[in-house]
Amino acid sequence: MPERAGNTERSLPERASSTDLLGRTTTADEDAVLAVYDQLRELVRSDLPPCAAAGLRAALASVAVVVTDLGLRFEHLLDEGV
């Protein structure tokens, strides 16, 4: 496939090995999902305008379902005030 103009190859940072709830090593894709989940959790805790806070909470809820379904983490977001 030809390269797009201005497309530069980026190197991804080396990932730390982590495990899911069953003790299996997570894949790079699963680690990426967890990174998105963690970033959304941090953003939701920020002092944001109401529209941004509501949208990020909705996004976090969707990603939390994916994280739980993949068996990566099991957390009750309401217990943590999210």
PDB file of N, CA and C in Angstrom:
ATOM      1  N   MET A   1       0.850  -1.176   0.000  1.00  0.00           N
ATOM      2  CA  MET A   1       0.000   0.000   0.000  1.00  0.00           C
ATOM      3  C   MET A   1       0.895   1.239   0.000  1.00  0.00           C
ATOM      4  N   PRO A   2       0.653   2.201  -0.864  1.00  0.00           N
ATOM      5  CA  PRO A   2       1.507   3.382  -0.930  1.00  0.00           C
ATOM      6  C   PRO A   2       1.354   4.250   0.318  1.00  0.00           C
ATOM      7  N   GLU A   3       2.433   4.912   0.650  1.00  0.00           N
ATOM      8  CA  GLU A   3       2.431   5.819   1.797  1.00  0.00           C
ATOM      9  C   GLU A   3       1.666   7.085   1.470  1.00  0.00           C
ATOM     10  N   ARG A   4       0.975   7.616   2.433  1.00  0.00           N
ATOM     11  CA  ARG A   4       0.295   8.895   2.250  1.00  0.00           C
ATOM     12  C   ARG A   4       1.289  10.026   2.424  1.00  0.00           C
ATOM     13  N   ALA A   5       1.024  11.104   1.740  1.00  0.00           N
ATOM     14  CA  ALA A   5       1.894  12.279   1.869  1.00  0.00           C
ATOM     15  C   ALA A   5       1.850  12.767   3.309  1.00  0.00           C
ATOM     16  N   GLY A   6       3.001  13.011   3.864  1.00  0.00           N
ATOM     17  CA  GLY A   6       3.076  13.528   5.224  1.00  0.00           C
ATOM     18  C   GLY A   6       2.929  12.458   6.288  1.00  0.00           C
ATOM     19  N   ASN A   7       2.751  11.212   5.888  1.00  0.00           N
ATOM     20  CA  ASN A   7       2.604  10.130   6.850  1.00  0.00           C
ATOM     21  C   ASN A   7       3.978   9.704   7.328  1.00  0.00           C
ATOM     22  N   THR A   8       4.222   9.848   8.603  1.00  0.00           N
ATOM     23  CA  THR A   8       5.505   9.434   9.146  1.00  0.00           C
ATOM     24  C   THR A   8       5.279   8.233  10.048  1.00  0.00           C
ATOM     25  N   GLU A   9       6.211   7.338  10.007  1.00  0.00           N
ATOM     26  CA  GLU A   9       6.111   6.154  10.843  1.00  0.00           C
ATOM     27  C   GLU A   9       6.441   6.537  12.279  1.00  0.00           C
ATOM     28  N   ARG A  10       5.597   6.119  13.190  1.00  0.00           N
ATOM     29  CA  ARG A  10       5.860   6.420  14.586  1.00  0.00           C
ATOM     30  C   ARG A  10       6.148   5.127  15.315  1.00  0.00           C
ATOM     31  N   SER A  11       7.021   5.220  16.247  1.00  0.00           N
ATOM     32  CA  SER A  11       7.302   4.026  17.027  1.00  0.00           C
ATOM     33  C   SER A  11       6.499   4.096  18.316  1.00  0.00           C
ATOM     34  N   LEU A  12       5.927   2.965  18.669  1.00  0.00           N
ATOM     35  CA  LEU A  12       5.146   2.902  19.893  1.00  0.00           C
ATOM     36  C   LEU A  12       6.080   2.632  21.055  1.00  0.00           C
ATOM     37  N   PRO A  13       5.758   3.194  22.216  1.00  0.00           N
ATOM     38  CA  PRO A  13       6.610   2.931  23.363  1.00  0.00           C
ATOM     39  C   PRO A  13       6.537   1.454  23.739  1.00  0.00           C
ATOM     40  N   GLU A  14       7.632   0.960  24.277  1.00  0.00           N
ATOM     41  CA  GLU A  14       7.644  -0.428  24.704  1.00  0.00           C
ATOM     42  C   GLU A  14       6.663  -0.583  25.850  1.00  0.00           C
ATOM     43  N   ARG A  15       5.837  -1.591  25.768  1.00  0.00           N
ATOM     44  CA  ARG A  15       4.785  -1.741  26.761  1.00  0.00           C
ATOM     45  C   ARG A  15       5.227  -2.665  27.884  1.00  0.00           C
ATOM     46  N   ALA A  16       4.741  -2.346  29.064  1.00  0.00           N
ATOM     47  CA  ALA A  16       5.009  -3.199  30.201  1.00  0.00           C
ATOM     48  C   ALA A  16       4.085  -4.403  30.112  1.00  0.00           C
ATOM     49  N   SER A  17       4.584  -5.549  30.458  1.00  0.00           N
ATOM     50  CA  SER A  17       3.767  -6.744  30.418  1.00  0.00           C
ATOM     51  C   SER A  17       2.757  -6.709  31.553  1.00  0.00           C
ATOM     52  N   SER A  18       1.478  -6.894  31.210  1.00  0.00           N
ATOM     53  CA  SER A  18       0.445  -6.934  32.225  1.00  0.00           C
ATOM     54  C   SER A  18      -0.399  -8.179  31.992  1.00  0.00           C
ATOM     55  N   THR A  19      -1.260  -8.463  32.949  1.00  0.00           N
ATOM     56  CA  THR A  19      -2.087  -9.653  32.844  1.00  0.00           C
ATOM     57  C   THR A  19      -3.551  -9.292  33.012  1.00  0.00           C
ATOM     58  N   ASP A  20      -4.420 -10.165  32.506  1.00  0.00           N
ATOM     59  CA  ASP A  20      -5.852  -9.966  32.671  1.00  0.00           C
ATOM     60  C   ASP A  20      -6.286 -10.614  33.988  1.00  0.00           C
ATOM     61  N   LEU A  21      -7.583 -10.675  34.222  1.00  0.00           N
ATOM     62  CA  LEU A  21      -8.100 -11.219  35.478  1.00  0.00           C
ATOM     63  C   LEU A  21      -7.838 -12.717  35.627  1.00  0.00           C
ATOM     64  N   LEU A  22      -7.576 -13.397  34.524  1.00  0.00           N
ATOM     65  CA  LEU A  22      -7.277 -14.825  34.576  1.00  0.00           C
ATOM     66  C   LEU A  22      -5.779 -15.109  34.609  1.00  0.00           C
ATOM     67  N   GLY A  23      -4.976 -14.046  34.641  1.00  0.00           N
ATOM     68  CA  GLY A  23      -3.529 -14.215  34.716  1.00  0.00           C
ATOM     69  C   GLY A  23      -2.829 -14.382  33.384  1.00  0.00           C
ATOM     70  N   ARG A  24      -3.579 -14.207  32.277  1.00  0.00           N
ATOM     71  CA  ARG A  24      -2.960 -14.299  30.953  1.00  0.00           C
ATOM     72  C   ARG A  24      -2.322 -12.971  30.582  1.00  0.00           C
ATOM     73  N   THR A  25      -1.223 -13.039  29.866  1.00  0.00           N
ATOM     74  CA  THR A  25      -0.559 -11.824  29.400  1.00  0.00           C
ATOM     75  C   THR A  25      -1.464 -11.105  28.410  1.00  0.00           C
ATOM     76  N   THR A  26      -1.609  -9.797  28.589  1.00  0.00           N
ATOM     77  CA  THR A  26      -2.469  -9.027  27.695  1.00  0.00           C
ATOM     78  C   THR A  26      -1.759  -8.757  26.375  1.00  0.00           C
ATOM     79  N   THR A  27      -2.560  -8.560  25.347  1.00  0.00           N
ATOM     80  CA  THR A  27      -2.031  -8.237  24.022  1.00  0.00           C
ATOM     81  C   THR A  27      -1.793  -6.729  23.927  1.00  0.00           C
ATOM     82  N   ALA A  28      -1.137  -6.315  22.865  1.00  0.00           N
ATOM     83  CA  ALA A  28      -0.911  -4.886  22.643  1.00  0.00           C
ATOM     84  C   ALA A  28      -2.242  -4.147  22.492  1.00  0.00           C
ATOM     85  N   ASP A  29      -3.210  -4.766  21.822  1.00  0.00           N
ATOM     86  CA  ASP A  29      -4.522  -4.139  21.656  1.00  0.00           C
ATOM     87  C   ASP A  29      -5.236  -3.994  22.996  1.00  0.00           C
ATOM     88  N   GLU A  30      -5.157  -5.019  23.825  1.00  0.00           N
ATOM     89  CA  GLU A  30      -5.779  -4.934  25.154  1.00  0.00           C
ATOM     90  C   GLU A  30      -5.114  -3.856  25.998  1.00  0.00           C
ATOM     91  N   ASP A  31      -3.800  -3.740  25.893  1.00  0.00           N
ATOM     92  CA  ASP A  31      -3.090  -2.680  26.614  1.00  0.00           C
ATOM     93  C   ASP A  31      -3.528  -1.302  26.125  1.00  0.00           C
ATOM     94  N   ALA A  32      -3.785  -1.179  24.824  1.00  0.00           N
ATOM     95  CA  ALA A  32      -4.249   0.093  24.270  1.00  0.00           C
ATOM     96  C   ALA A  32      -5.637   0.438  24.801  1.00  0.00           C
ATOM     97  N   VAL A  33      -6.513  -0.570  24.900  1.00  0.00           N
ATOM     98  CA  VAL A  33      -7.851  -0.343  25.462  1.00  0.00           C
ATOM     99  C   VAL A  33      -7.734   0.110  26.915  1.00  0.00           C
ATOM    100  N   LEU A  34      -6.863  -0.532  27.676  1.00  0.00           N
ATOM    101  CA  LEU A  34      -6.660  -0.128  29.072  1.00  0.00           C
ATOM    102  C   LEU A  34      -6.104   1.289  29.180  1.00  0.00           C
ATOM    103  N   ALA A  35      -5.252   1.676  28.251  1.00  0.00           N
ATOM    104  CA  ALA A  35      -4.706   3.035  28.264  1.00  0.00           C
ATOM    105  C   ALA A  35      -5.813   4.060  28.031  1.00  0.00           C
ATOM    106  N   VAL A  36      -6.707   3.775  27.088  1.00  0.00           N
ATOM    107  CA  VAL A  36      -7.848   4.667  26.830  1.00  0.00           C
ATOM    108  C   VAL A  36      -8.727   4.748  28.070  1.00  0.00           C
ATOM    109  N   TYR A  37      -8.999   3.606  28.672  1.00  0.00           N
ATOM    110  CA  TYR A  37      -9.816   3.532  29.887  1.00  0.00           C
ATOM    111  C   TYR A  37      -9.203   4.385  31.007  1.00  0.00           C
ATOM    112  N   ASP A  38      -7.905   4.226  31.232  1.00  0.00           N
ATOM    113  CA  ASP A  38      -7.229   4.993  32.284  1.00  0.00           C
ATOM    114  C   ASP A  38      -7.232   6.492  31.984  1.00  0.00           C
ATOM    115  N   GLN A  39      -7.041   6.855  30.716  1.00  0.00           N
ATOM    116  CA  GLN A  39      -7.065   8.271  30.345  1.00  0.00           C
ATOM    117  C   GLN A  39      -8.448   8.870  30.564  1.00  0.00           C
ATOM    118  N   LEU A  40      -9.490   8.130  30.193  1.00  0.00           N
ATOM    119  CA  LEU A  40     -10.855   8.623  30.413  1.00  0.00           C
ATOM    120  C   LEU A  40     -11.148   8.767  31.898  1.00  0.00           C
ATOM    121  N   ARG A  41     -10.693   7.823  32.704  1.00  0.00           N
ATOM    122  CA  ARG A  41     -10.907   7.916  34.158  1.00  0.00           C
ATOM    123  C   ARG A  41     -10.259   9.175  34.726  1.00  0.00           C
ATOM    124  N   GLU A  42      -9.066   9.486  34.266  1.00  0.00           N
ATOM    125  CA  GLU A  42      -8.380  10.691  34.737  1.00  0.00           C
ATOM    126  C   GLU A  42      -9.123  11.953  34.287  1.00  0.00           C
ATOM    127  N   LEU A  43      -9.564  11.983  33.037  1.00  0.00           N
ATOM    128  CA  LEU A  43     -10.270  13.154  32.524  1.00  0.00           C
ATOM    129  C   LEU A  43     -11.592  13.392  33.251  1.00  0.00           C
ATOM    130  N   VAL A  44     -12.308  12.319  33.572  1.00  0.00           N
ATOM    131  CA  VAL A  44     -13.592  12.447  34.257  1.00  0.00           C
ATOM    132  C   VAL A  44     -13.407  13.078  35.639  1.00  0.00           C
ATOM    133  N   ARG A  45     -12.269  12.855  36.235  1.00  0.00           N
ATOM    134  CA  ARG A  45     -11.988  13.422  37.559  1.00  0.00           C
ATOM    135  C   ARG A  45     -11.590  14.901  37.487  1.00  0.00           C
ATOM    136  N   SER A  46     -11.346  15.413  36.293  1.00  0.00           N
ATOM    137  CA  SER A  46     -10.937  16.809  36.109  1.00  0.00           C
ATOM    138  C   SER A  46     -12.132  17.743  36.265  1.00  0.00           C
ATOM    139  N   ASP A  47     -11.839  18.998  36.472  1.00  0.00           N
ATOM    140  CA  ASP A  47     -12.880  20.024  36.553  1.00  0.00           C
ATOM    141  C   ASP A  47     -13.166  20.505  35.139  1.00  0.00           C
ATOM    142  N   LEU A  48     -14.177  19.915  34.516  1.00  0.00           N
ATOM    143  CA  LEU A  48     -14.501  20.197  33.118  1.00  0.00           C
ATOM    144  C   LEU A  48     -15.869  20.852  33.010  1.00  0.00           C
ATOM    145  N   PRO A  49     -16.122  21.533  31.898  1.00  0.00           N
ATOM    146  CA  PRO A  49     -17.477  22.049  31.660  1.00  0.00           C
ATOM    147  C   PRO A  49     -18.476  20.892  31.649  1.00  0.00           C
ATOM    148  N   PRO A  50     -19.712  21.153  32.043  1.00  0.00           N
ATOM    149  CA  PRO A  50     -20.707  20.075  32.146  1.00  0.00           C
ATOM    150  C   PRO A  50     -20.870  19.244  30.875  1.00  0.00           C
ATOM    151  N   CYS A  51     -20.843  19.869  29.716  1.00  0.00           N
ATOM    152  CA  CYS A  51     -21.027  19.100  28.476  1.00  0.00           C
ATOM    153  C   CYS A  51     -19.862  18.136  28.252  1.00  0.00           C
ATOM    154  N   ALA A  52     -18.650  18.570  28.558  1.00  0.00           N
ATOM    155  CA  ALA A  52     -17.484  17.706  28.394  1.00  0.00           C
ATOM    156  C   ALA A  52     -17.502  16.577  29.423  1.00  0.00           C
ATOM    157  N   ALA A  53     -17.848  16.910  30.652  1.00  0.00           N
ATOM    158  CA  ALA A  53     -17.893  15.895  31.707  1.00  0.00           C
ATOM    159  C   ALA A  53     -18.924  14.820  31.381  1.00  0.00           C
ATOM    160  N   ALA A  54     -20.087  15.216  30.902  1.00  0.00           N
ATOM    161  CA  ALA A  54     -21.143  14.250  30.571  1.00  0.00           C
ATOM    162  C   ALA A  54     -20.714  13.350  29.411  1.00  0.00           C
ATOM    163  N   GLY A  55     -20.135  13.938  28.391  1.00  0.00           N
ATOM    164  CA  GLY A  55     -19.691  13.157  27.244  1.00  0.00           C
ATOM    165  C   GLY A  55     -18.589  12.175  27.600  1.00  0.00           C
ATOM    166  N   LEU A  56     -17.657  12.612  28.448  1.00  0.00           N
ATOM    167  CA  LEU A  56     -16.572  11.721  28.853  1.00  0.00           C
ATOM    168  C   LEU A  56     -17.069  10.608  29.765  1.00  0.00           C
ATOM    169  N   ARG A  57     -18.042  10.900  30.620  1.00  0.00           N
ATOM    170  CA  ARG A  57     -18.624   9.844  31.458  1.00  0.00           C
ATOM    171  C   ARG A  57     -19.314   8.797  30.584  1.00  0.00           C
ATOM    172  N   ALA A  58     -20.008   9.239  29.545  1.00  0.00           N
ATOM    173  CA  ALA A  58     -20.667   8.302  28.626  1.00  0.00           C
ATOM    174  C   ALA A  58     -19.624   7.448  27.895  1.00  0.00           C
ATOM    175  N   ALA A  59     -18.552   8.074  27.461  1.00  0.00           N
ATOM    176  CA  ALA A  59     -17.488   7.331  26.783  1.00  0.00           C
ATOM    177  C   ALA A  59     -16.833   6.338  27.738  1.00  0.00           C
ATOM    178  N   LEU A  60     -16.609   6.769  28.974  1.00  0.00           N
ATOM    179  CA  LEU A  60     -15.998   5.889  29.966  1.00  0.00           C
ATOM    180  C   LEU A  60     -16.883   4.681  30.233  1.00  0.00           C
ATOM    181  N   ALA A  61     -18.183   4.885  30.306  1.00  0.00           N
ATOM    182  CA  ALA A  61     -19.100   3.769  30.547  1.00  0.00           C
ATOM    183  C   ALA A  61     -18.992   2.732  29.429  1.00  0.00           C
ATOM    184  N   SER A  62     -18.915   3.193  28.191  1.00  0.00           N
ATOM    185  CA  SER A  62     -18.800   2.267  27.056  1.00  0.00           C
ATOM    186  C   SER A  62     -17.477   1.502  27.086  1.00  0.00           C
ATOM    187  N   VAL A  63     -16.406   2.206  27.362  1.00  0.00           N
ATOM    188  CA  VAL A  63     -15.092   1.559  27.403  1.00  0.00           C
ATOM    189  C   VAL A  63     -15.010   0.614  28.601  1.00  0.00           C
ATOM    190  N   ALA A  64     -15.659   0.973  29.709  1.00  0.00           N
ATOM    191  CA  ALA A  64     -15.653   0.105  30.889  1.00  0.00           C
ATOM    192  C   ALA A  64     -16.323  -1.232  30.585  1.00  0.00           C
ATOM    193  N   VAL A  65     -17.351  -1.223  29.760  1.00  0.00           N
ATOM    194  CA  VAL A  65     -18.006  -2.482  29.358  1.00  0.00           C
ATOM    195  C   VAL A  65     -17.019  -3.346  28.581  1.00  0.00           C
ATOM    196  N   VAL A  66     -16.267  -2.746  27.684  1.00  0.00           N
ATOM    197  CA  VAL A  66     -15.272  -3.489  26.899  1.00  0.00           C
ATOM    198  C   VAL A  66     -14.207  -4.067  27.823  1.00  0.00           C
ATOM    199  N   VAL A  67     -13.704  -3.259  28.734  1.00  0.00           N
ATOM    200  CA  VAL A  67     -12.660  -3.698  29.667  1.00  0.00           C
ATOM    201  C   VAL A  67     -13.154  -4.873  30.510  1.00  0.00           C
ATOM    202  N   THR A  68     -14.382  -4.778  30.990  1.00  0.00           N
ATOM    203  CA  THR A  68     -14.948  -5.853  31.806  1.00  0.00           C
ATOM    204  C   THR A  68     -15.192  -7.103  30.966  1.00  0.00           C
ATOM    205  N   ASP A  69     -15.758  -6.931  29.767  1.00  0.00           N
ATOM    206  CA  ASP A  69     -16.041  -8.085  28.908  1.00  0.00           C
ATOM    207  C   ASP A  69     -14.771  -8.830  28.508  1.00  0.00           C
ATOM    208  N   LEU A  70     -13.679  -8.102  28.316  1.00  0.00           N
ATOM    209  CA  LEU A  70     -12.406  -8.741  27.975  1.00  0.00           C
ATOM    210  C   LEU A  70     -11.719  -9.350  29.198  1.00  0.00           C
ATOM    211  N   GLY A  71     -12.266  -9.091  30.373  1.00  0.00           N
ATOM    212  CA  GLY A  71     -11.679  -9.635  31.601  1.00  0.00           C
ATOM    213  C   GLY A  71     -10.371  -8.962  31.977  1.00  0.00           C
ATOM    214  N   LEU A  72     -10.233  -7.684  31.602  1.00  0.00           N
ATOM    215  CA  LEU A  72      -8.986  -6.976  31.898  1.00  0.00           C
ATOM    216  C   LEU A  72      -8.986  -6.396  33.311  1.00  0.00           C
ATOM    217  N   ARG A  73     -10.108  -5.870  33.728  1.00  0.00           N
ATOM    218  CA  ARG A  73     -10.292  -5.319  35.072  1.00  0.00           C
ATOM    219  C   ARG A  73     -11.751  -5.454  35.445  1.00  0.00           C
ATOM    220  N   PHE A  74     -12.006  -5.472  36.730  1.00  0.00           N
ATOM    221  CA  PHE A  74     -13.380  -5.467  37.205  1.00  0.00           C
ATOM    222  C   PHE A  74     -13.478  -4.410  38.290  1.00  0.00           C
ATOM    223  N   GLU A  75     -14.120  -3.300  37.965  1.00  0.00           N
ATOM    224  CA  GLU A  75     -14.248  -2.174  38.893  1.00  0.00           C
ATOM    225  C   GLU A  75     -15.667  -1.638  38.811  1.00  0.00           C
ATOM    226  N   HIS A  76     -16.168  -1.196  39.929  1.00  0.00           N
ATOM    227  CA  HIS A  76     -17.456  -0.524  39.961  1.00  0.00           C
ATOM    228  C   HIS A  76     -17.188   0.973  39.935  1.00  0.00           C
ATOM    229  N   LEU A  77     -17.435   1.603  38.811  1.00  0.00           N
ATOM    230  CA  LEU A  77     -17.129   3.025  38.680  1.00  0.00           C
ATOM    231  C   LEU A  77     -17.932   3.877  39.647  1.00  0.00           C
ATOM    232  N   LEU A  78     -19.160   3.483  39.956  1.00  0.00           N
ATOM    233  CA  LEU A  78     -19.958   4.253  40.892  1.00  0.00           C
ATOM    234  C   LEU A  78     -19.360   4.230  42.296  1.00  0.00           C
ATOM    235  N   ASP A  79     -18.740   3.122  42.671  1.00  0.00           N
ATOM    236  CA  ASP A  79     -18.099   3.034  43.986  1.00  0.00           C
ATOM    237  C   ASP A  79     -16.916   3.990  44.095  1.00  0.00           C
ATOM    238  N   GLU A  80     -16.355   4.358  42.966  1.00  0.00           N
ATOM    239  CA  GLU A  80     -15.205   5.252  42.943  1.00  0.00           C
ATOM    240  C   GLU A  80     -15.592   6.692  42.639  1.00  0.00           C
ATOM    241  N   GLY A  81     -16.887   6.963  42.594  1.00  0.00           N
ATOM    242  CA  GLY A  81     -17.354   8.320  42.384  1.00  0.00           C
ATOM    243  C   GLY A  81     -17.305   8.794  40.951  1.00  0.00           C
ATOM    244  N   VAL A  82     -17.206   7.902  40.020  1.00  0.00           N
ATOM    245  CA  VAL A  82     -17.161   8.282  38.605  1.00  0.00           C
ATOM    246  C   VAL A  82     -18.557   8.252  38.039  1.00  0.00           C
TER     247      VAL A  82
END
